[in-house]
Amino acid sequence: MKENLHSNQSDMPTIIEIKNKINWLVTFITSVGLLILFCIILIIISIGLLQASFIPFMLPFGALFIFVLYIWLWNNFGKTVLTIDPETVKVEYKNKLFTSPKTYLKKDIDHVETKDFTIETSKYRVRYNFSLSQSTYAVVFTTKDQEIRIIDWIKQEKADEIVDLINKTQHNV
């Protein structure tokens, strides 16, 4: 993952940009799927111009097209942008459809930590995440009610660096 760090002064916000790793298999499959769905939608529209009720036939293909486009955009151009202010942490997911920026107040965050998700356990299952690049770590905010994963699938060094930066700005308040 690519990271850009911008910080000039202590009162200026720190901006961290983390680019997604591109999964080339997902890129190929979704690109082919987008082309096929686009052709199907064009055929349905051209046939539908001759008939009055073609919209019910086009809706499932349009929804599937938007879903595949969502995956394709995030895989190829997605990045997470963290803006760390003295009082807040803002998380933006660039090129991810239907997501809005989330702002977390530092006073509401009990703990910031790095977690390894090589083995994920929940109440109902255990899941093993294998990664050849060792990118199985996440930056996690712990609040009173829950754990919030703000950045997923990065290497331990990057996750520790982000946690240290957030903690450093939090203690300067």
Protein backbone atom coordinates (compact mmCIF):
# COMPACT_ATOMS: atom_id res chain seq x y z
CA MET A 1 0.00 0.00 0.00
CA LYS A 2 1.16 3.44 -0.78
CA GLU A 3 1.24 6.07 1.92
CA ASN A 4 1.65 9.82 1.69
CA LEU A 5 2.20 11.77 4.87
CA HIS A 6 1.66 15.54 4.99
CA SER A 7 2.36 17.43 8.19
CA ASN A 8 3.77 20.93 8.50
CA GLN A 9 3.01 22.18 11.99
CA SER A 10 1.45 20.82 15.15
CA ASP A 11 -1.77 22.85 14.63
CA MET A 12 -2.13 21.76 11.01
CA PRO A 13 -3.99 18.52 10.32
CA THR A 14 -1.96 15.47 9.39
CA ILE A 15 -3.16 13.72 6.24
CA ILE A 16 -2.37 10.08 5.54
CA GLU A 17 -3.30 8.55 2.19
CA ILE A 18 -3.22 4.77 1.88
CA LYS A 19 -3.71 3.34 -1.60
CA ASN A 20 -5.32 -0.08 -1.99
CA LYS A 21 -3.31 -2.90 -3.44
CA ILE A 22 -4.69 -3.87 -6.80
CA ASN A 23 -5.88 -7.47 -7.09
CA TRP A 24 -5.31 -8.18 -10.78
CA LEU A 25 -7.63 -11.19 -10.87
CA VAL A 26 -10.51 -9.09 -9.50
CA THR A 27 -9.63 -6.34 -11.99
CA PHE A 28 -9.79 -8.73 -14.94
CA ILE A 29 -13.00 -10.46 -13.85
CA THR A 30 -14.86 -7.24 -13.02
CA SER A 31 -13.69 -5.53 -16.24
CA VAL A 32 -15.05 -8.40 -18.33
CA GLY A 33 -18.24 -8.42 -16.25
CA LEU A 34 -18.73 -4.68 -16.75
CA LEU A 35 -18.33 -5.02 -20.52
CA ILE A 36 -20.79 -7.91 -20.71
CA LEU A 37 -23.35 -6.16 -18.51
CA PHE A 38 -23.00 -2.94 -20.51
CA CYS A 39 -23.70 -4.85 -23.74
CA ILE A 40 -26.69 -6.61 -22.19
CA ILE A 41 -28.10 -3.29 -20.98
CA LEU A 42 -27.65 -1.74 -24.45
CA ILE A 43 -29.44 -4.71 -26.06
CA ILE A 44 -32.30 -4.49 -23.55
CA ILE A 45 -32.63 -0.73 -24.13
CA SER A 46 -32.64 -1.15 -27.92
CA ILE A 47 -35.27 -3.90 -27.73
CA GLY A 48 -37.17 -1.96 -25.09
CA LEU A 49 -37.60 1.03 -27.35
CA LEU A 50 -39.86 -1.16 -29.45
CA GLN A 51 -41.87 -2.36 -26.43
CA ALA A 52 -43.57 -0.42 -23.69
CA SER A 53 -42.53 -2.42 -20.60
CA PHE A 54 -38.80 -3.04 -20.72
CA ILE A 55 -37.83 -1.42 -17.39
CA PRO A 56 -38.53 -4.54 -15.24
CA PHE A 57 -36.07 -6.47 -17.42
CA MET A 58 -33.38 -3.80 -17.17
CA LEU A 59 -33.46 -3.19 -13.40
CA PRO A 60 -31.62 -6.37 -12.30
CA PHE A 61 -28.88 -5.84 -14.88
CA GLY A 62 -28.54 -2.18 -13.89
CA ALA A 63 -28.26 -3.09 -10.21
CA LEU A 64 -25.68 -5.78 -10.98
CA PHE A 65 -23.76 -3.30 -13.15
CA ILE A 66 -23.61 -0.78 -10.27
CA PHE A 67 -22.47 -3.49 -7.85
CA VAL A 68 -19.67 -4.68 -10.15
CA LEU A 69 -18.70 -1.05 -10.81
CA TYR A 70 -18.49 -0.51 -7.03
CA ILE A 71 -16.05 -3.42 -6.68
CA TRP A 72 -14.04 -2.40 -9.75
CA LEU A 73 -13.61 1.24 -8.67
CA TRP A 74 -12.56 0.37 -5.12
CA ASN A 75 -10.15 -2.33 -6.28
CA ASN A 76 -8.45 -0.21 -8.96
CA PHE A 77 -8.59 3.37 -7.68
CA GLY A 78 -9.59 3.15 -4.02
CA LYS A 79 -7.67 4.78 -1.22
CA THR A 80 -8.27 5.63 2.40
CA VAL A 81 -7.54 9.19 3.50
CA LEU A 82 -7.09 9.88 7.22
CA THR A 83 -7.15 13.49 8.37
CA ILE A 84 -5.89 13.76 11.93
CA ASP A 85 -6.76 17.02 13.71
CA PRO A 86 -6.01 17.78 17.36
CA GLU A 87 -9.61 16.89 18.30
CA THR A 88 -10.90 14.62 15.51
CA VAL A 89 -9.95 11.83 13.13
CA LYS A 90 -11.72 11.93 9.77
CA VAL A 91 -11.79 8.81 7.58
CA GLU A 92 -12.61 9.15 3.87
CA TYR A 93 -12.78 6.31 1.37
CA LYS A 94 -11.97 7.77 -2.06
CA ASN A 95 -13.52 6.08 -5.11
CA LYS A 96 -15.82 3.90 -3.03
CA LEU A 97 -19.42 4.43 -4.09
CA PHE A 98 -22.12 5.15 -1.52
CA THR A 99 -19.79 5.90 1.40
CA SER A 100 -19.58 9.21 3.18
CA PRO A 101 -16.68 10.47 5.29
CA LYS A 102 -16.77 9.49 8.95
CA THR A 103 -15.50 11.76 11.69
CA TYR A 104 -14.54 10.41 15.11
CA LEU A 105 -13.98 12.63 18.13
CA LYS A 106 -10.78 11.74 19.94
CA LYS A 107 -12.49 12.17 23.30
CA ASP A 108 -14.88 9.32 22.35
CA ILE A 109 -12.02 6.98 21.39
CA ASP A 110 -10.81 4.95 24.36
CA HIS A 111 -7.92 3.19 22.66
CA VAL A 112 -6.21 3.07 19.25
CA GLU A 113 -4.42 -0.14 18.39
CA THR A 114 -3.04 -2.40 15.70
CA LYS A 115 -4.77 -5.75 15.31
CA ASP A 116 -3.66 -8.81 13.42
CA PHE A 117 -6.47 -10.46 11.47
CA THR A 118 -4.55 -13.51 10.28
CA ILE A 119 -7.09 -15.48 12.32
CA GLU A 120 -10.45 -13.77 12.78
CA THR A 121 -12.71 -15.19 15.45
CA SER A 122 -16.29 -14.29 16.13
CA LYS A 123 -19.13 -15.82 18.08
CA TYR A 124 -20.06 -18.19 15.25
CA ARG A 125 -16.91 -18.85 13.22
CA VAL A 126 -13.14 -18.79 12.82
CA ARG A 127 -11.71 -17.48 9.56
CA TYR A 128 -8.11 -17.75 8.40
CA ASN A 129 -6.83 -14.88 6.24
CA PHE A 130 -3.75 -15.89 4.30
CA SER A 131 -1.69 -13.16 2.68
CA LEU A 132 1.62 -13.60 0.92
CA SER A 133 2.46 -9.94 1.56
CA GLN A 134 1.73 -10.09 5.32
CA SER A 135 -0.95 -7.38 4.91
CA THR A 136 -3.33 -8.75 7.52
CA TYR A 137 -3.22 -5.88 10.03
CA ALA A 138 -5.79 -3.21 10.76
CA VAL A 139 -5.96 0.05 12.71
CA VAL A 140 -8.76 -0.23 15.25
CA PHE A 141 -10.51 2.36 17.41
CA THR A 142 -11.95 0.98 20.64
CA THR A 143 -14.91 2.88 22.08
CA LYS A 144 -17.27 2.07 24.92
CA ASP A 145 -19.61 0.05 22.71
CA GLN A 146 -17.55 -1.40 19.88
CA GLU A 147 -14.36 -1.81 17.88
CA ILE A 148 -14.18 0.22 14.67
CA ARG A 149 -11.75 -0.88 11.98
CA ILE A 150 -10.75 2.23 10.07
CA ILE A 151 -7.97 0.83 7.88
CA ASP A 152 -7.78 -2.82 6.85
CA TRP A 153 -5.27 -5.07 5.14
CA ILE A 154 -2.01 -3.20 5.68
CA LYS A 155 1.38 -4.34 6.92
CA GLN A 156 2.21 -4.19 10.61
CA GLU A 157 4.83 -1.43 10.19
CA LYS A 158 2.35 0.91 8.48
CA ALA A 159 -0.38 0.14 11.01
CA ASP A 160 1.98 0.81 13.94
CA GLU A 161 3.14 4.05 12.33
CA ILE A 162 -0.46 5.27 11.93
CA VAL A 163 -1.35 4.29 15.51
CA ASP A 164 1.73 6.13 16.84
CA LEU A 165 0.83 9.23 14.83
CA ILE A 166 -2.77 9.24 16.09
CA ASN A 167 -1.63 8.69 19.69
CA LYS A 168 1.02 11.42 19.38
CA THR A 169 -1.49 14.01 18.18
CA GLN A 170 -3.99 12.85 20.80
CA HIS A 171 -1.57 13.47 23.67
CA ASN A 172 -0.66 16.93 22.37
CA VAL A 173 -4.20 18.20 22.97
